[in-house]
Amino acid sequence: MTPMRIAIIASARFPIVQPFPGGMEAHTWGLATKLRARGHHVEVFAGPGSDPALGVTELGVPLRLSPAATRDVSMAPRGWIGEHHAYLSLMLRLSARGEFDVVHNNSLHYLPIAMAETLPIPVVTTLHTPPTPWLESAIQAADPCPVSFVAVSAHTADAWRHAVPHPRTVHNGIDVDIWRPGTGGGALAWAGRFVPEKGAPSAIRAARLAGRPLRLAGPIPEPDYFDAEVVPLLGGDIEYVGHLRDAELAELFGESGATLVTPCWDEPYGLVVAESLACGTPVCGFARGALPELVTAECGRLVDGGDVDALAASVETAVGLSRERARAHAVAHHSHEAMVDAYERLYQELTA
């Protein structure tokens, strides 16, 4: 494929740096890295503090508000205004210069969609979340909306179909050279952000019912929730091991008999599923959102959402599944190579 000039717009709020704040940042890092490895010129626009090796251009244009403006009783929170200013400045820059062949919007902000019509080049937006009012408003701002939309799962595509009639589906990918197979073990694993929708307490209760140790890893963006709902359940064979870098998390998965995935919402994708399977570790989880797309009978077990007893009962069967088949499933369906292949085809189609 002929090398292309690609702008990737990421979050202005969260840096793209390990250990990643969440799946979107991991996805952006992987996409940019693999596109560069294939010879493309990639510039990433992201939040301050991002990995210097990624060559990020910071989304943080200084905003100088007058004292009169800051006293305005209708003024939105300064953080919101700053984020708005950063994306507004970026979109005006992209509309005025011929630096790129395609723009890939990987953020959740409305302006890259609302202002796409001002750009002389194609704009691709990946839908990482359920519908939000800000993005629906931006989509409706132009008729028809000039943006090409990609959903991270068929479930997410269906959730957006009322606003985006024909989204493509490209599953998120992982680097299967980082997420390598391990030998397994007796303990279970859980990884994710410690927020209510990820359901860490359900995993802890299921592990105790199953009589298995559990190690939990991930960032704590809501300390009050963690202290009230998670800390009282820790102790004994249930251990919080911190917010781990990819290599450390791969070791945790690889040494575990199964990974518990316990969403209390309709998970748009579930990157932890792909990561665990690539390490050869089967998944036990709640059948919510996109998980039924990712987990087959040969590499995991899913139960009704919220059914902790059923989840605990599924553990022994899952631990006995073939680790080789779990790894093969991840390599075939959830690798960076498969993901970047699909995005390259889309870029080529839009710029032909």
Protein backbone atom coordinates (compact mmCIF):
# COMPACT_ATOMS: atom_id res chain seq x y z
CA MET A 1 0.00 0.00 0.00
CA THR A 2 1.24 3.51 -0.83
CA PRO A 3 2.29 5.31 2.37
CA MET A 4 -0.29 7.82 3.60
CA ARG A 5 -0.26 10.90 5.84
CA ILE A 6 -2.65 10.15 8.70
CA ALA A 7 -3.77 12.40 11.57
CA ILE A 8 -5.12 10.55 14.61
CA ILE A 9 -7.17 12.63 17.05
CA ALA A 10 -7.21 11.21 20.57
CA SER A 11 -8.41 12.36 23.97
CA ALA A 12 -7.29 15.76 25.20
CA ARG A 13 -7.99 14.67 28.76
CA PHE A 14 -6.07 11.40 29.15
CA PRO A 15 -2.45 10.87 28.07
CA ILE A 16 -1.50 7.95 25.85
CA VAL A 17 1.10 6.40 28.11
CA GLN A 18 1.54 3.13 29.95
CA PRO A 19 -0.04 2.02 32.12
CA PHE A 20 -2.93 3.14 29.93
CA PRO A 21 -5.87 4.95 31.55
CA GLY A 22 -8.28 2.81 29.52
CA GLY A 23 -8.92 0.80 26.38
CA MET A 24 -9.25 3.82 24.09
CA GLU A 25 -5.73 4.98 24.89
CA ALA A 26 -4.36 1.45 24.38
CA HIS A 27 -6.21 1.26 21.05
CA THR A 28 -4.82 4.61 19.86
CA TRP A 29 -1.26 3.66 20.83
CA GLY A 30 -1.51 0.35 18.97
CA LEU A 31 -3.10 1.84 15.86
CA ALA A 32 -0.51 4.62 15.54
CA THR A 33 2.41 2.30 16.23
CA LYS A 34 1.38 -0.32 13.69
CA LEU A 35 0.51 2.22 10.99
CA ARG A 36 3.99 3.74 11.36
CA ALA A 37 5.57 0.29 11.21
CA ARG A 38 3.87 -0.15 7.83
CA GLY A 39 5.49 3.01 6.48
CA HIS A 40 2.74 5.58 6.98
CA HIS A 41 3.38 9.09 8.33
CA VAL A 42 1.24 9.33 11.46
CA GLU A 43 0.77 12.34 13.73
CA VAL A 44 -1.15 11.80 16.95
CA PHE A 45 -2.94 14.70 18.63
CA ALA A 46 -3.47 13.76 22.27
CA GLY A 47 -3.39 14.92 25.87
CA PRO A 48 -0.32 16.26 27.70
CA GLY A 49 1.93 13.64 29.28
CA SER A 50 1.66 11.13 26.44
CA ASP A 51 4.46 8.70 25.58
CA PRO A 52 7.31 10.71 23.94
CA ALA A 53 8.08 7.72 21.70
CA LEU A 54 4.68 8.17 20.09
CA GLY A 55 5.63 11.66 18.88
CA VAL A 56 2.43 13.24 20.15
CA THR A 57 1.39 16.80 19.34
CA GLU A 58 -0.30 17.95 22.53
CA LEU A 59 -3.94 18.98 22.48
CA GLY A 60 -3.52 21.88 24.83
CA VAL A 61 -3.54 25.26 23.08
CA PRO A 62 -3.28 27.99 25.75
CA LEU A 63 -6.61 29.67 26.44
CA ARG A 64 -6.45 33.22 27.76
CA LEU A 65 -9.79 34.28 29.20
CA SER A 66 -10.33 37.84 30.33
CA PRO A 67 -11.41 38.53 33.91
CA ALA A 68 -14.77 39.67 32.53
CA ALA A 69 -15.27 36.34 30.74
CA THR A 70 -14.41 34.29 33.81
CA ARG A 71 -16.97 36.27 35.84
CA ASP A 72 -19.73 35.40 33.36
CA VAL A 73 -22.37 33.51 35.36
CA SER A 74 -23.06 31.25 32.37
CA MET A 75 -19.44 30.12 32.02
CA ALA A 76 -19.01 26.38 31.77
CA PRO A 77 -16.33 24.64 33.90
CA ARG A 78 -12.86 25.74 32.84
CA GLY A 79 -11.82 22.19 31.98
CA TRP A 80 -14.72 21.88 29.54
CA ILE A 81 -13.86 25.23 27.95
CA GLY A 82 -10.20 24.23 27.65
CA GLU A 83 -11.05 20.96 25.94
CA HIS A 84 -13.43 22.74 23.56
CA HIS A 85 -10.71 25.28 22.72
CA ALA A 86 -8.14 22.54 22.06
CA TYR A 87 -10.33 20.67 19.58
CA LEU A 88 -11.58 23.88 17.94
CA SER A 89 -7.99 25.02 17.35
CA LEU A 90 -7.02 21.62 15.95
CA MET A 91 -9.94 21.41 13.53
CA LEU A 92 -9.25 24.93 12.25
CA ARG A 93 -5.62 23.95 11.68
CA LEU A 94 -6.61 20.79 9.79
CA SER A 95 -9.08 22.71 7.63
CA ALA A 96 -6.47 25.30 6.63
CA ARG A 97 -3.45 23.14 5.79
CA GLY A 98 -2.86 20.28 3.38
CA GLU A 99 -0.80 18.19 5.81
CA PHE A 100 -2.71 14.91 5.72
CA ASP A 101 -4.54 12.48 3.44
CA VAL A 102 -7.04 11.32 6.07
CA VAL A 103 -8.07 12.20 9.62
CA HIS A 104 -8.94 9.40 12.05
CA ASN A 105 -10.94 10.71 15.00
CA ASN A 106 -10.43 8.45 18.01
CA SER A 107 -11.81 10.91 20.56
CA LEU A 108 -15.23 11.26 22.18
CA HIS A 109 -15.44 14.99 21.48
CA TYR A 110 -18.15 16.41 19.25
CA LEU A 111 -16.08 18.98 17.31
CA PRO A 112 -14.11 16.57 15.07
CA ILE A 113 -17.48 15.34 13.79
CA ALA A 114 -19.30 18.68 13.72
CA MET A 115 -16.43 20.38 11.85
CA ALA A 116 -15.59 17.51 9.50
CA GLU A 117 -17.44 19.31 6.70
CA THR A 118 -14.80 22.08 6.80
CA LEU A 119 -11.95 19.67 6.01
CA PRO A 120 -10.85 18.98 2.42
CA ILE A 121 -9.94 15.38 3.30
CA PRO A 122 -11.89 12.34 4.56
CA VAL A 123 -12.64 11.97 8.28
CA VAL A 124 -13.06 8.59 9.94
CA THR A 125 -14.55 8.34 13.44
CA THR A 126 -14.34 5.20 15.55
CA LEU A 127 -17.35 4.74 17.84
CA HIS A 128 -15.99 3.43 21.13
CA THR A 129 -19.02 4.01 23.36
CA PRO A 130 -22.82 3.80 23.43
CA PRO A 131 -24.61 6.84 21.94
CA THR A 132 -24.06 10.19 23.63
CA PRO A 133 -26.12 13.38 23.14
CA TRP A 134 -23.06 15.44 22.15
CA LEU A 135 -22.06 13.10 19.34
CA GLU A 136 -25.64 12.62 18.12
CA SER A 137 -25.96 16.41 17.90
CA ALA A 138 -22.73 16.66 15.91
CA ILE A 139 -23.85 13.91 13.51
CA GLN A 140 -27.09 15.77 12.84
CA ALA A 141 -25.34 19.13 12.27
CA ALA A 142 -24.74 18.33 8.58
CA ASP A 143 -27.11 16.46 6.29
CA PRO A 144 -25.69 14.14 5.24
CA CYS A 145 -22.90 13.82 7.80
CA PRO A 146 -19.62 13.59 5.83
CA VAL A 147 -17.88 11.35 8.37
CA SER A 148 -17.22 7.63 7.79
CA PHE A 149 -18.05 5.76 10.99
CA VAL A 150 -16.52 2.57 12.34
CA ALA A 151 -17.86 0.73 15.40
CA VAL A 152 -15.62 -1.42 17.59
CA SER A 153 -18.17 -4.24 17.62
CA ALA A 154 -21.39 -5.31 15.93
CA HIS A 155 -23.14 -4.62 19.23
CA THR A 156 -21.89 -1.01 19.21
CA ALA A 157 -22.81 -0.64 15.53
CA ASP A 158 -26.38 -1.72 16.33
CA ALA A 159 -26.55 0.74 19.24
CA TRP A 160 -25.64 3.62 16.90
CA ARG A 161 -27.68 2.55 13.86
CA HIS A 162 -30.50 5.04 14.50
CA ALA A 163 -27.98 7.87 14.06
CA VAL A 164 -25.41 6.16 11.81
CA PRO A 165 -27.32 3.86 9.42
CA HIS A 166 -24.32 2.05 7.90
CA PRO A 167 -21.34 1.91 10.27
CA ARG A 168 -18.57 -0.55 9.54
CA THR A 169 -17.36 -2.88 12.26
CA VAL A 170 -13.66 -3.24 13.05
CA HIS A 171 -12.79 -5.05 16.25
CA ASN A 172 -10.08 -3.46 18.36
CA GLY A 173 -6.74 -5.23 18.16
CA ILE A 174 -3.85 -6.06 20.45
CA ASP A 175 -0.15 -6.75 19.95
CA VAL A 176 0.04 -10.52 20.20
CA ASP A 177 3.84 -10.27 20.57
CA ILE A 178 3.32 -8.43 23.88
CA TRP A 179 0.35 -10.49 25.02
CA ARG A 180 2.13 -13.86 24.95
CA PRO A 181 0.92 -17.24 26.20
CA GLY A 182 1.62 -18.27 29.76
CA THR A 183 1.46 -21.58 31.58
CA GLY A 184 -1.70 -20.85 33.54
CA GLY A 185 -2.24 -21.44 37.25
CA GLY A 186 -4.77 -21.85 40.01
CA ALA A 187 -5.61 -18.20 40.59
CA LEU A 188 -8.10 -16.09 38.62
CA ALA A 189 -7.51 -12.62 37.19
CA TRP A 190 -9.61 -9.48 36.75
CA ALA A 191 -8.47 -6.26 35.07
CA GLY A 192 -10.12 -2.95 34.31
CA ARG A 193 -10.94 0.47 35.65
CA PHE A 194 -12.39 0.40 39.16
CA VAL A 195 -15.70 2.05 38.31
CA PRO A 196 -19.24 0.74 38.91
CA GLU A 197 -19.84 -0.37 35.31
CA LYS A 198 -16.86 -2.76 35.34
CA GLY A 199 -18.25 -4.81 38.22
CA ALA A 200 -15.16 -5.74 40.24
CA PRO A 201 -17.25 -6.69 43.32
CA SER A 202 -19.06 -9.34 41.25
CA ALA A 203 -15.73 -10.86 40.27
CA ILE A 204 -14.59 -10.98 43.89
CA ARG A 205 -17.79 -12.69 45.02
CA ALA A 206 -17.62 -15.20 42.17
CA ALA A 207 -14.00 -16.06 42.96
CA ARG A 208 -14.83 -16.68 46.60
CA LEU A 209 -17.76 -18.91 45.64
CA ALA A 210 -15.50 -20.82 43.25
CA GLY A 211 -12.86 -21.24 45.96
CA ARG A 212 -10.14 -19.65 43.85
CA PRO A 213 -7.67 -16.84 44.59
CA LEU A 214 -8.24 -13.65 42.61
CA ARG A 215 -5.80 -10.91 41.63
CA LEU A 216 -7.28 -7.63 40.44
CA ALA A 217 -5.44 -4.94 38.47
CA GLY A 218 -6.33 -1.54 37.05
CA PRO A 219 -6.52 2.21 37.59
CA ILE A 220 -8.68 3.78 40.32
CA PRO A 221 -10.34 6.83 38.74
CA GLU A 222 -13.03 6.90 41.45
CA PRO A 223 -11.28 6.45 44.84
CA ASP A 224 -14.49 6.83 46.84
CA TYR A 225 -16.08 3.94 44.93
CA PHE A 226 -12.96 1.81 45.34
CA ASP A 227 -12.76 2.47 49.08
CA ALA A 228 -16.47 1.81 49.67
CA GLU A 229 -17.19 -1.11 47.33
CA VAL A 230 -13.90 -2.91 46.65
CA VAL A 231 -11.56 -2.49 49.63
CA PRO A 232 -13.94 -4.15 52.14
CA LEU A 233 -13.98 -7.25 49.91
CA LEU A 234 -10.20 -7.58 49.69
CA GLY A 235 -8.11 -9.81 51.90
CA GLY A 236 -7.14 -13.43 52.12
CA ASP A 237 -6.85 -14.81 48.61
CA ILE A 238 -8.32 -11.64 47.04
CA GLU A 239 -5.57 -9.14 46.21
CA TYR A 240 -5.35 -5.80 44.39
CA VAL A 241 -1.98 -5.79 42.57
CA GLY A 242 -2.00 -2.23 41.17
CA HIS A 243 -2.27 -0.48 37.83
CA LEU A 244 0.02 -2.55 35.60
CA ARG A 245 1.85 -1.89 32.36
CA ASP A 246 1.06 -4.19 29.44
CA ALA A 247 3.99 -6.55 30.02
CA GLU A 248 3.10 -6.90 33.71
CA LEU A 249 -0.57 -7.45 32.93
CA ALA A 250 0.32 -10.06 30.32
CA GLU A 251 2.30 -11.90 32.99
CA LEU A 252 -0.69 -11.74 35.34
CA PHE A 253 -3.04 -13.18 32.72
CA GLY A 254 -0.53 -15.79 31.63
CA GLU A 255 -0.14 -17.09 35.18
CA SER A 256 -3.91 -17.32 35.75
CA GLY A 257 -6.33 -20.18 35.12
CA ALA A 258 -9.09 -17.89 33.83
CA THR A 259 -9.96 -14.21 33.65
CA LEU A 260 -13.25 -12.91 35.06
CA VAL A 261 -14.95 -10.21 32.97
CA THR A 262 -17.93 -8.79 34.85
CA PRO A 263 -19.47 -5.74 33.12
CA CYS A 264 -22.49 -4.16 34.77
CA TRP A 265 -23.28 -2.33 31.51
CA ASP A 266 -23.37 -3.28 27.85
CA GLU A 267 -19.64 -3.36 27.15
CA PRO A 268 -18.92 -1.75 23.74
CA TYR A 269 -15.94 -4.04 23.16
CA GLY A 270 -13.90 -5.40 26.07
CA LEU A 271 -10.18 -5.22 25.30
CA VAL A 272 -9.36 -7.31 28.37
CA VAL A 273 -11.02 -10.29 26.67
CA ALA A 274 -8.64 -10.15 23.71
CA GLU A 275 -5.64 -9.60 25.99
CA SER A 276 -6.47 -12.56 28.21
CA LEU A 277 -7.15 -14.92 25.31
CA ALA A 278 -3.87 -13.93 23.63
CA CYS A 279 -2.13 -15.05 26.83
CA GLY A 280 -3.88 -18.40 26.45
CA THR A 281 -6.16 -17.70 29.40
CA PRO A 282 -9.87 -18.54 28.95
CA VAL A 283 -12.54 -16.03 29.93
CA CYS A 284 -15.50 -16.35 32.31
CA GLY A 285 -17.86 -13.45 32.00
CA PHE A 286 -21.27 -11.85 31.81
CA ALA A 287 -22.90 -12.04 28.38
CA ARG A 288 -23.41 -8.30 28.01
CA GLY A 289 -22.67 -5.95 25.15
CA ALA A 290 -20.02 -7.20 22.76
CA LEU A 291 -18.74 -10.08 24.87
CA PRO A 292 -20.77 -12.75 22.98
CA GLU A 293 -18.97 -11.61 19.80
CA LEU A 294 -15.55 -12.11 21.37
CA VAL A 295 -15.92 -15.25 23.48
CA THR A 296 -16.67 -18.60 21.85
CA ALA A 297 -17.32 -21.95 23.51
CA GLU A 298 -13.76 -23.06 22.78
CA CYS A 299 -12.15 -20.18 24.68
CA GLY A 300 -14.54 -19.23 27.47
CA ARG A 301 -17.88 -19.36 29.20
CA LEU A 302 -20.50 -16.61 29.45
CA VAL A 303 -23.49 -16.46 31.80
CA ASP A 304 -26.41 -14.08 32.20
CA GLY A 305 -25.36 -10.60 33.26
CA GLY A 306 -25.19 -10.20 37.02
CA ASP A 307 -25.57 -13.92 37.83
CA VAL A 308 -22.62 -14.33 40.21
CA ASP A 309 -23.59 -17.88 41.19
CA ALA A 310 -23.60 -19.01 37.56
CA LEU A 311 -20.31 -17.23 36.95
CA ALA A 312 -18.70 -19.04 39.87
CA ALA A 313 -20.07 -22.37 38.64
CA SER A 314 -18.55 -21.80 35.18
CA VAL A 315 -15.01 -21.32 36.45
CA GLU A 316 -13.94 -24.97 36.62
CA THR A 317 -15.10 -25.66 33.06
CA ALA A 318 -13.35 -22.55 31.75
CA VAL A 319 -10.07 -23.34 33.49
CA GLY A 320 -10.07 -26.72 31.73
CA LEU A 321 -10.38 -25.27 28.23
CA SER A 322 -7.49 -25.40 25.79
CA ARG A 323 -5.07 -22.54 26.29
CA GLU A 324 -3.71 -23.12 22.77
CA ARG A 325 -7.17 -22.62 21.25
CA ALA A 326 -7.72 -19.47 23.30
CA ARG A 327 -4.46 -18.04 21.97
CA ALA A 328 -5.26 -19.07 18.38
CA HIS A 329 -8.67 -17.38 18.58
CA ALA A 330 -7.11 -14.10 19.71
CA VAL A 331 -4.42 -14.17 17.03
CA ALA A 332 -6.94 -14.87 14.28
CA HIS A 333 -9.61 -12.36 15.30
CA HIS A 334 -8.20 -9.74 17.67
CA SER A 335 -4.66 -8.91 16.57
CA HIS A 336 -3.28 -5.51 15.62
CA GLU A 337 -2.63 -6.93 12.16
CA ALA A 338 -6.30 -7.71 11.52
CA MET A 339 -7.37 -4.31 12.86
CA VAL A 340 -4.84 -2.28 10.86
CA ASP A 341 -5.58 -4.27 7.69
CA ALA A 342 -9.22 -3.18 7.96
CA TYR A 343 -8.40 0.47 8.62
CA GLU A 344 -5.90 0.58 5.76
CA ARG A 345 -8.55 -0.73 3.38
CA LEU A 346 -10.94 1.99 4.56
CA TYR A 347 -8.35 4.77 4.22
CA GLN A 348 -7.50 3.58 0.72
CA GLU A 349 -11.15 3.45 -0.30
CA LEU A 350 -11.83 6.97 0.99
CA THR A 351 -8.80 8.55 -0.67
CA ALA A 352 -9.03 6.73 -4.02
